[in-house]
Amino acid sequence: MKSVQLQILKTPGCQICHRFLSFWETHKAEFSNITTEVLDIVESEKAQELVQKFQIFSSPGIIINGELFSTGGYDETSFLTRLKELS
């Protein structure tokens, strides 16, 4: 199993971010190879750098192995499929 890095860029009060984080909590046990980093766009300088790099205009920004997966929303099936492909 290959190691995978998941970065989640969130903003305070973002309902889609909250739903995604809850969704990920229910599935992350299936992926012991994934390192998760949750970054607050308002508080984290690293998150700000990623926002600029990937031109993220809405949250959550979901980055998998250094590539932007989605911004402003997500598709659960596509997300899980992508993680399985990379694992």
N, C-alpha and C. Protein backbone atom coordinates (compact mmCIF):
# COMPACT_ATOMS: atom_id res chain seq x y z
N MET A 1 0.84 -1.18 0.00
CA MET A 1 0.00 0.00 0.00
C MET A 1 0.89 1.25 0.00
N LYS A 2 0.65 2.15 -0.93
CA LYS A 2 1.44 3.37 -1.03
C LYS A 2 0.93 4.41 -0.03
N SER A 3 1.85 5.25 0.45
CA SER A 3 1.41 6.31 1.35
C SER A 3 0.82 7.45 0.52
N VAL A 4 -0.21 8.05 1.08
CA VAL A 4 -0.95 9.12 0.41
C VAL A 4 -1.08 10.28 1.39
N GLN A 5 -0.90 11.50 0.87
CA GLN A 5 -1.07 12.68 1.71
C GLN A 5 -2.35 13.40 1.30
N LEU A 6 -3.20 13.64 2.28
CA LEU A 6 -4.46 14.34 2.08
C LEU A 6 -4.40 15.65 2.86
N GLN A 7 -4.60 16.76 2.16
CA GLN A 7 -4.66 18.06 2.81
C GLN A 7 -6.06 18.62 2.59
N ILE A 8 -6.65 19.08 3.68
CA ILE A 8 -8.00 19.64 3.64
C ILE A 8 -7.90 21.08 4.10
N LEU A 9 -8.24 22.02 3.23
CA LEU A 9 -8.22 23.43 3.57
C LEU A 9 -9.65 23.85 3.87
N LYS A 10 -9.86 24.34 5.08
CA LYS A 10 -11.21 24.68 5.52
C LYS A 10 -11.27 26.12 6.00
N THR A 11 -12.48 26.62 6.10
CA THR A 11 -12.70 27.95 6.68
C THR A 11 -13.69 27.83 7.83
N PRO A 12 -13.61 28.74 8.81
CA PRO A 12 -14.54 28.69 9.93
C PRO A 12 -15.98 28.87 9.45
N GLY A 13 -16.87 28.08 9.98
CA GLY A 13 -18.29 28.22 9.66
C GLY A 13 -18.71 27.61 8.32
N CYS A 14 -17.80 26.96 7.63
CA CYS A 14 -18.12 26.37 6.33
C CYS A 14 -18.85 25.04 6.54
N GLN A 15 -20.10 24.99 6.12
CA GLN A 15 -20.90 23.78 6.30
C GLN A 15 -20.42 22.63 5.41
N ILE A 16 -19.99 22.95 4.19
CA ILE A 16 -19.49 21.90 3.31
C ILE A 16 -18.21 21.31 3.90
N CYS A 17 -17.35 22.16 4.47
CA CYS A 17 -16.13 21.68 5.13
C CYS A 17 -16.49 20.74 6.27
N HIS A 18 -17.45 21.14 7.08
CA HIS A 18 -17.88 20.33 8.22
C HIS A 18 -18.41 18.97 7.74
N ARG A 19 -19.24 18.97 6.70
CA ARG A 19 -19.77 17.71 6.17
C ARG A 19 -18.66 16.82 5.63
N PHE A 20 -17.71 17.44 4.92
CA PHE A 20 -16.60 16.65 4.37
C PHE A 20 -15.77 16.04 5.49
N LEU A 21 -15.45 16.82 6.51
CA LEU A 21 -14.64 16.30 7.62
C LEU A 21 -15.37 15.17 8.35
N SER A 22 -16.67 15.29 8.51
CA SER A 22 -17.46 14.21 9.13
C SER A 22 -17.45 12.97 8.24
N PHE A 23 -17.63 13.18 6.95
CA PHE A 23 -17.58 12.08 5.98
C PHE A 23 -16.22 11.38 6.05
N TRP A 24 -15.14 12.16 6.06
CA TRP A 24 -13.80 11.58 6.10
C TRP A 24 -13.57 10.81 7.41
N GLU A 25 -14.07 11.32 8.51
CA GLU A 25 -13.94 10.62 9.80
C GLU A 25 -14.55 9.22 9.74
N THR A 26 -15.64 9.07 9.01
CA THR A 26 -16.30 7.77 8.94
C THR A 26 -15.58 6.80 8.01
N HIS A 27 -14.69 7.30 7.14
CA HIS A 27 -14.03 6.45 6.15
C HIS A 27 -12.53 6.29 6.34
N LYS A 28 -11.91 7.15 7.15
CA LYS A 28 -10.45 7.14 7.19
C LYS A 28 -9.85 5.86 7.75
N ALA A 29 -10.60 5.11 8.54
CA ALA A 29 -10.09 3.84 9.08
C ALA A 29 -9.82 2.83 7.95
N GLU A 30 -10.49 3.00 6.82
CA GLU A 30 -10.29 2.11 5.66
C GLU A 30 -8.95 2.39 4.98
N PHE A 31 -8.33 3.52 5.31
CA PHE A 31 -7.13 3.97 4.61
C PHE A 31 -6.01 4.27 5.61
N SER A 32 -5.40 3.23 6.15
CA SER A 32 -4.34 3.43 7.14
C SER A 32 -3.09 4.05 6.53
N ASN A 33 -3.00 4.07 5.22
CA ASN A 33 -1.83 4.61 4.52
C ASN A 33 -1.91 6.11 4.27
N ILE A 34 -3.02 6.74 4.69
CA ILE A 34 -3.22 8.15 4.38
C ILE A 34 -2.91 9.03 5.59
N THR A 35 -2.06 10.03 5.33
CA THR A 35 -1.75 11.05 6.33
C THR A 35 -2.65 12.24 6.03
N THR A 36 -3.39 12.68 7.03
CA THR A 36 -4.34 13.78 6.84
C THR A 36 -3.83 15.03 7.54
N GLU A 37 -3.91 16.14 6.83
CA GLU A 37 -3.55 17.43 7.40
C GLU A 37 -4.72 18.38 7.14
N VAL A 38 -5.31 18.89 8.22
CA VAL A 38 -6.42 19.84 8.11
C VAL A 38 -5.87 21.22 8.41
N LEU A 39 -6.04 22.13 7.46
CA LEU A 39 -5.50 23.48 7.60
C LEU A 39 -6.63 24.50 7.52
N ASP A 40 -6.61 25.45 8.45
CA ASP A 40 -7.58 26.53 8.45
C ASP A 40 -7.04 27.66 7.58
N ILE A 41 -7.78 28.02 6.55
CA ILE A 41 -7.33 29.03 5.60
C ILE A 41 -7.12 30.38 6.28
N VAL A 42 -7.91 30.68 7.30
CA VAL A 42 -7.80 31.96 7.99
C VAL A 42 -6.57 32.01 8.89
N GLU A 43 -6.22 30.89 9.53
CA GLU A 43 -5.18 30.89 10.55
C GLU A 43 -3.82 30.38 10.08
N SER A 44 -3.77 29.63 8.99
CA SER A 44 -2.55 28.95 8.60
C SER A 44 -1.86 29.60 7.41
N GLU A 45 -0.60 29.96 7.60
CA GLU A 45 0.19 30.53 6.50
C GLU A 45 0.40 29.48 5.41
N LYS A 46 0.61 28.24 5.81
CA LYS A 46 0.77 27.15 4.84
C LYS A 46 -0.49 27.03 3.98
N ALA A 47 -1.67 27.12 4.62
CA ALA A 47 -2.93 27.05 3.88
C ALA A 47 -3.03 28.20 2.88
N GLN A 48 -2.61 29.39 3.29
CA GLN A 48 -2.65 30.55 2.39
C GLN A 48 -1.76 30.33 1.17
N GLU A 49 -0.60 29.71 1.39
CA GLU A 49 0.30 29.40 0.27
C GLU A 49 -0.36 28.42 -0.70
N LEU A 50 -1.05 27.42 -0.17
CA LEU A 50 -1.74 26.44 -1.01
C LEU A 50 -2.92 27.06 -1.75
N VAL A 51 -3.62 27.97 -1.10
CA VAL A 51 -4.73 28.69 -1.74
C VAL A 51 -4.20 29.45 -2.95
N GLN A 52 -3.07 30.12 -2.79
CA GLN A 52 -2.47 30.86 -3.90
C GLN A 52 -1.99 29.92 -5.00
N LYS A 53 -1.30 28.86 -4.61
CA LYS A 53 -0.73 27.92 -5.58
C LYS A 53 -1.81 27.29 -6.46
N PHE A 54 -2.92 26.86 -5.83
CA PHE A 54 -3.97 26.15 -6.55
C PHE A 54 -5.15 27.05 -6.94
N GLN A 55 -5.06 28.34 -6.60
CA GLN A 55 -6.13 29.30 -6.88
C GLN A 55 -7.48 28.79 -6.37
N ILE A 56 -7.51 28.49 -5.09
CA ILE A 56 -8.72 27.99 -4.44
C ILE A 56 -9.57 29.20 -4.03
N PHE A 57 -10.78 29.26 -4.57
CA PHE A 57 -11.67 30.39 -4.30
C PHE A 57 -12.82 30.03 -3.37
N SER A 58 -13.02 28.74 -3.11
CA SER A 58 -14.06 28.34 -2.16
C SER A 58 -13.60 27.08 -1.44
N SER A 59 -14.09 26.93 -0.23
CA SER A 59 -13.66 25.81 0.59
C SER A 59 -14.77 24.75 0.64
N PRO A 60 -14.40 23.51 0.93
CA PRO A 60 -13.04 23.08 1.24
C PRO A 60 -12.19 22.91 -0.02
N GLY A 61 -10.91 23.11 0.17
CA GLY A 61 -9.94 22.75 -0.86
C GLY A 61 -9.41 21.38 -0.47
N ILE A 62 -9.49 20.42 -1.35
CA ILE A 62 -9.04 19.06 -1.06
C ILE A 62 -7.87 18.75 -1.99
N ILE A 63 -6.71 18.51 -1.39
CA ILE A 63 -5.48 18.26 -2.13
C ILE A 63 -5.01 16.86 -1.80
N ILE A 64 -4.77 16.06 -2.82
CA ILE A 64 -4.31 14.68 -2.64
C ILE A 64 -2.95 14.55 -3.32
N ASN A 65 -1.95 14.18 -2.53
CA ASN A 65 -0.58 14.03 -3.05
C ASN A 65 -0.12 15.24 -3.85
N GLY A 66 -0.41 16.41 -3.33
CA GLY A 66 0.06 17.63 -3.97
C GLY A 66 -0.70 18.07 -5.20
N GLU A 67 -1.83 17.42 -5.49
CA GLU A 67 -2.66 17.81 -6.63
C GLU A 67 -4.05 18.17 -6.14
N LEU A 68 -4.59 19.26 -6.67
CA LEU A 68 -5.93 19.69 -6.28
C LEU A 68 -6.96 18.67 -6.76
N PHE A 69 -7.72 18.12 -5.82
CA PHE A 69 -8.80 17.18 -6.17
C PHE A 69 -10.10 17.93 -6.39
N SER A 70 -10.44 18.81 -5.46
CA SER A 70 -11.68 19.59 -5.62
C SER A 70 -11.64 20.83 -4.75
N THR A 71 -12.51 21.75 -5.07
CA THR A 71 -12.65 22.97 -4.30
C THR A 71 -14.12 23.37 -4.27
N GLY A 72 -14.59 23.77 -3.09
CA GLY A 72 -15.96 24.23 -2.95
C GLY A 72 -17.01 23.14 -2.84
N GLY A 73 -16.60 21.91 -2.92
CA GLY A 73 -17.52 20.78 -2.83
C GLY A 73 -16.76 19.50 -3.13
N TYR A 74 -17.46 18.40 -3.09
CA TYR A 74 -16.79 17.12 -3.34
C TYR A 74 -17.84 16.07 -3.70
N ASP A 75 -17.37 15.05 -4.40
CA ASP A 75 -18.21 13.91 -4.71
C ASP A 75 -17.65 12.72 -3.93
N GLU A 76 -18.44 12.17 -3.02
CA GLU A 76 -17.96 11.11 -2.13
C GLU A 76 -17.41 9.91 -2.90
N THR A 77 -18.12 9.47 -3.92
CA THR A 77 -17.70 8.29 -4.69
C THR A 77 -16.38 8.56 -5.41
N SER A 78 -16.28 9.70 -6.06
CA SER A 78 -15.04 10.05 -6.78
C SER A 78 -13.87 10.17 -5.82
N PHE A 79 -14.12 10.75 -4.66
CA PHE A 79 -13.07 10.93 -3.65
C PHE A 79 -12.54 9.56 -3.19
N LEU A 80 -13.44 8.67 -2.80
CA LEU A 80 -13.02 7.35 -2.32
C LEU A 80 -12.36 6.54 -3.44
N THR A 81 -12.88 6.66 -4.65
CA THR A 81 -12.28 5.96 -5.80
C THR A 81 -10.85 6.44 -6.02
N ARG A 82 -10.64 7.76 -5.95
CA ARG A 82 -9.30 8.31 -6.16
C ARG A 82 -8.33 7.81 -5.09
N LEU A 83 -8.77 7.78 -3.84
CA LEU A 83 -7.90 7.30 -2.76
C LEU A 83 -7.54 5.83 -2.98
N LYS A 84 -8.50 5.04 -3.42
CA LYS A 84 -8.23 3.62 -3.67
C LYS A 84 -7.25 3.45 -4.83
N GLU A 85 -7.38 4.28 -5.86
CA GLU A 85 -6.46 4.22 -7.00
C GLU A 85 -5.03 4.53 -6.57
N LEU A 86 -4.88 5.47 -5.66
CA LEU A 86 -3.54 5.89 -5.23
C LEU A 86 -2.94 4.97 -4.17
N SER A 87 -3.76 4.18 -3.52
CA SER A 87 -3.29 3.34 -2.40
C SER A 87 -2.60 2.07 -2.84
